[in-house]
Amino acid sequence: MTVDVVNAENKKVGSVDLRDEVFGGRVKTDLIHESVVRANAAERRGTHATKTRAMVSGSGKKPWRQKGTGRARVGEIRNPLWRKGGTTFGPQPRSYQYQLPKKVEKGALRAALTQKLRDGDVLVVDALSVGEIKTRAAAELLRRLGIEGKALLVDVKPEDKLTLSVRNLEEITLLASNRVSARDVMNTRRVVLTRAAIEKLQEALG
């Protein structure tokens, strides 16, 4: 399989060969799902908390004597059984982050890129660069490439000028090729890869 390579003016300047073992297989949606869930879980703040009986304000004094009153025994007013008492086994701050096997992450990214290629939503350019640090310059570059809406730009090492120029464009994400995940690919309308980036990805995913 070959894909056309265009320049900044959206004119064809060559082509790049895609490996069948990377982009020619079945799209495994289950791997994409696992990778996306893992990425979402890693971003959860996990700041939820409830007060245990040790944290609730109030006296620790025994309200009445253990025996002889006819009432149920109780040790303190912060008892979880009482109104405004502590919470038993309530949620506490924690991290939801977990790791997937590297093969699963690679398979998910391979499947996501393959799906985008089959949908015709991948554009390969010879280079991604702007002449000056201007949001307008980045917007003009994308307009010439025919990119509208959400887009993911991928380069081996993104140019500093372009990084600063696209940061004010809400729907544009610029990433290095070694930081791309399946969620990044699926959570966008178009994927723009440089020739160097797609070759690097093929080496990593092959």
Protein backbone atom coordinates (compact mmCIF):
# COMPACT_ATOMS: atom_id res chain seq x y z
CA MET A 1 0.00 0.00 0.00
CA THR A 2 1.27 3.48 -0.84
CA VAL A 3 0.10 6.88 0.33
CA ASP A 4 0.68 10.18 -1.42
CA VAL A 5 2.93 12.77 0.22
CA VAL A 6 2.02 16.43 -0.25
CA ASN A 7 3.79 19.69 0.49
CA ALA A 8 2.56 22.75 2.36
CA GLU A 9 0.58 23.77 -0.74
CA ASN A 10 -1.23 20.43 -0.78
CA LYS A 11 0.49 19.37 -3.99
CA LYS A 12 1.78 15.84 -4.43
CA VAL A 13 5.55 15.59 -4.12
CA GLY A 14 5.99 11.86 -3.70
CA SER A 15 4.66 8.78 -1.96
CA VAL A 16 5.49 6.55 0.98
CA ASP A 17 5.15 2.78 1.21
CA LEU A 18 3.14 1.37 4.09
CA ARG A 19 3.97 -2.03 5.55
CA ASP A 20 1.23 -4.63 5.31
CA GLU A 21 2.10 -6.01 8.75
CA VAL A 22 1.36 -2.58 10.23
CA PHE A 23 -1.52 -1.22 8.16
CA GLY A 24 -2.83 -4.28 6.37
CA GLY A 25 -4.29 -6.30 9.20
CA ARG A 26 -7.70 -6.50 10.85
CA VAL A 27 -8.81 -3.51 12.92
CA LYS A 28 -9.00 -4.85 16.47
CA THR A 29 -11.54 -2.54 18.08
CA ASP A 30 -11.24 -4.32 21.44
CA LEU A 31 -7.62 -3.17 21.73
CA ILE A 32 -8.59 0.40 20.87
CA HIS A 33 -11.27 0.29 23.57
CA GLU A 34 -8.84 -0.97 26.21
CA SER A 35 -6.29 1.70 25.36
CA VAL A 36 -8.86 4.52 25.41
CA VAL A 37 -10.28 3.38 28.78
CA ARG A 38 -6.75 3.21 30.21
CA ALA A 39 -5.94 6.74 28.97
CA ASN A 40 -9.19 8.12 30.40
CA ALA A 41 -8.58 6.44 33.75
CA ALA A 42 -5.10 7.94 33.97
CA GLU A 43 -6.58 11.44 33.73
CA ARG A 44 -9.08 10.97 36.56
CA ARG A 45 -8.18 13.24 39.44
CA GLY A 46 -9.36 10.83 42.12
CA THR A 47 -9.82 13.57 44.73
CA HIS A 48 -13.09 12.19 46.14
CA ALA A 49 -13.11 11.70 49.90
CA THR A 50 -15.41 11.00 52.83
CA LYS A 51 -14.69 11.45 56.53
CA THR A 52 -14.10 8.41 58.65
CA ARG A 53 -15.06 8.36 62.34
CA ALA A 54 -11.55 9.59 63.12
CA MET A 55 -11.99 12.68 60.91
CA VAL A 56 -15.49 13.79 61.93
CA SER A 57 -15.50 16.65 64.43
CA GLY A 58 -17.10 15.91 67.77
CA SER A 59 -16.41 14.58 71.22
CA GLY A 60 -14.84 11.23 71.82
CA LYS A 61 -16.55 10.93 75.16
CA LYS A 62 -18.84 7.98 75.80
CA PRO A 63 -22.41 9.46 75.77
CA TRP A 64 -23.66 7.24 78.62
CA ARG A 65 -22.43 4.32 80.66
CA GLN A 66 -22.12 0.91 79.05
CA LYS A 67 -24.81 -0.87 81.09
CA GLY A 68 -27.87 -0.12 83.11
CA THR A 69 -29.61 2.60 81.05
CA GLY A 70 -31.67 0.30 78.85
CA ARG A 71 -30.29 1.95 75.73
CA ALA A 72 -27.97 0.43 73.15
CA ARG A 73 -24.31 0.63 73.97
CA VAL A 74 -22.36 3.33 72.10
CA GLY A 75 -18.81 4.55 72.38
CA GLU A 76 -18.91 8.04 70.86
CA ILE A 77 -21.16 10.41 68.92
CA ARG A 78 -18.96 10.00 65.83
CA ASN A 79 -20.19 6.43 65.49
CA PRO A 80 -20.98 5.61 61.80
CA LEU A 81 -24.40 4.37 62.90
CA TRP A 82 -25.36 7.81 64.13
CA ARG A 83 -26.51 10.79 62.11
CA LYS A 84 -23.54 13.02 61.22
CA GLY A 85 -21.20 10.22 62.18
CA GLY A 86 -18.26 8.97 60.13
CA THR A 87 -18.60 7.01 56.88
CA THR A 88 -17.57 3.38 56.81
CA PHE A 89 -15.45 2.29 53.86
CA GLY A 90 -16.20 5.49 51.92
CA PRO A 91 -14.16 6.62 48.90
CA GLN A 92 -10.70 8.01 49.60
CA PRO A 93 -8.28 9.89 47.31
CA ARG A 94 -6.50 7.51 44.99
CA SER A 95 -5.04 7.19 41.52
CA TYR A 96 -7.00 5.34 38.84
CA GLN A 97 -3.93 4.94 36.64
CA TYR A 98 -2.89 1.48 35.50
CA GLN A 99 -0.69 0.02 32.81
CA LEU A 100 -1.49 -2.17 29.84
CA PRO A 101 1.01 -4.54 28.22
CA LYS A 102 3.14 -2.79 25.61
CA LYS A 103 1.86 -5.16 22.93
CA VAL A 104 -1.72 -4.10 23.67
CA GLU A 105 -0.85 -0.39 23.40
CA LYS A 106 1.04 -0.95 20.15
CA GLY A 107 -1.78 -3.06 18.73
CA ALA A 108 -4.32 -0.39 19.68
CA LEU A 109 -2.35 2.39 17.98
CA ARG A 110 -1.81 0.20 14.92
CA ALA A 111 -5.54 -0.51 14.72
CA ALA A 112 -6.50 3.14 15.20
CA LEU A 113 -4.16 4.35 12.45
CA THR A 114 -5.35 1.57 10.13
CA GLN A 115 -8.97 2.58 10.67
CA LYS A 116 -8.21 6.24 9.92
CA LEU A 117 -6.32 5.24 6.78
CA ARG A 118 -9.24 3.15 5.52
CA ASP A 119 -11.60 6.03 6.25
CA GLY A 120 -9.40 8.34 4.16
CA ASP A 121 -8.73 10.63 7.11
CA VAL A 122 -4.91 10.45 7.07
CA LEU A 123 -2.81 13.05 5.29
CA VAL A 124 0.95 12.66 4.86
CA VAL A 125 3.02 15.80 4.34
CA ASP A 126 6.72 16.23 3.66
CA ALA A 127 7.11 18.66 6.59
CA LEU A 128 5.12 20.66 9.12
CA SER A 129 6.54 24.12 9.69
CA VAL A 130 5.65 27.80 9.78
CA GLY A 131 7.82 30.84 9.07
CA GLU A 132 6.92 32.72 12.24
CA ILE A 133 5.28 32.23 15.61
CA LYS A 134 1.78 33.30 14.65
CA THR A 135 -1.56 31.55 15.17
CA ARG A 136 -2.60 32.99 11.83
CA ALA A 137 0.37 31.31 10.12
CA ALA A 138 -0.60 27.90 11.55
CA ALA A 139 -4.26 28.42 10.60
CA GLU A 140 -3.21 29.34 7.06
CA LEU A 141 -1.06 26.20 6.80
CA LEU A 142 -4.00 24.03 7.84
CA ARG A 143 -6.32 25.84 5.43
CA ARG A 144 -3.97 25.13 2.51
CA LEU A 145 -3.87 21.47 3.52
CA GLY A 146 -7.67 21.35 3.58
CA ILE A 147 -7.87 20.59 7.30
CA GLU A 148 -11.10 21.60 9.03
CA GLY A 149 -12.38 20.75 12.50
CA LYS A 150 -10.47 18.58 14.95
CA ALA A 151 -7.07 17.48 13.72
CA LEU A 152 -4.02 15.70 15.11
CA LEU A 153 -0.61 16.80 13.82
CA VAL A 154 2.23 14.33 14.29
CA ASP A 155 5.94 14.89 13.72
CA VAL A 156 9.05 13.12 14.96
CA LYS A 157 10.17 16.28 16.75
CA PRO A 158 7.61 19.09 16.39
CA GLU A 159 9.06 22.43 15.40
CA ASP A 160 9.06 24.99 18.24
CA LYS A 161 7.52 27.70 16.05
CA LEU A 162 4.65 25.44 15.07
CA THR A 163 4.15 24.25 18.66
CA LEU A 164 3.71 27.83 19.84
CA SER A 165 1.57 28.76 16.84
CA VAL A 166 -1.06 26.02 17.25
CA ARG A 167 -1.50 26.23 21.02
CA ASN A 168 -4.34 28.77 20.63
CA LEU A 169 -6.17 26.62 18.08
CA GLU A 170 -8.69 24.73 20.20
CA GLU A 171 -9.29 21.80 17.89
CA ILE A 172 -5.66 21.23 16.88
CA THR A 173 -3.31 18.89 18.77
CA LEU A 174 0.40 18.62 17.98
CA LEU A 175 2.30 15.59 19.27
CA ALA A 176 5.63 13.87 18.80
CA SER A 177 5.40 10.47 17.12
CA ASN A 178 6.57 8.68 20.28
CA ARG A 179 3.79 10.27 22.38
CA VAL A 180 0.79 9.35 20.21
CA SER A 181 -1.82 6.98 21.62
CA ALA A 182 -4.87 5.26 20.17
CA ARG A 183 -7.13 7.74 21.99
CA ASP A 184 -5.36 10.67 20.34
CA VAL A 185 -5.95 9.15 16.91
CA MET A 186 -9.59 8.19 17.47
CA ASN A 187 -10.51 11.46 19.20
CA THR A 188 -9.93 13.54 16.08
CA ARG A 189 -11.37 14.04 12.64
CA ARG A 190 -8.16 14.15 10.58
CA VAL A 191 -4.63 12.89 11.22
CA VAL A 192 -1.74 14.76 9.60
CA LEU A 193 1.59 12.93 9.65
CA THR A 194 4.95 13.99 8.34
CA ARG A 195 6.84 11.53 6.13
CA ALA A 196 9.43 11.09 8.89
CA ALA A 197 6.72 10.49 11.51
CA ILE A 198 4.93 7.76 9.59
CA GLU A 199 8.22 6.00 8.90
CA LYS A 200 9.12 6.20 12.58
CA LEU A 201 5.70 4.85 13.57
CA GLN A 202 6.08 1.95 11.14
CA GLU A 203 9.40 1.04 12.75
CA ALA A 204 7.88 1.18 16.24
CA LEU A 205 4.68 -0.70 15.37
CA GLY A 206 6.16 -3.26 13.01
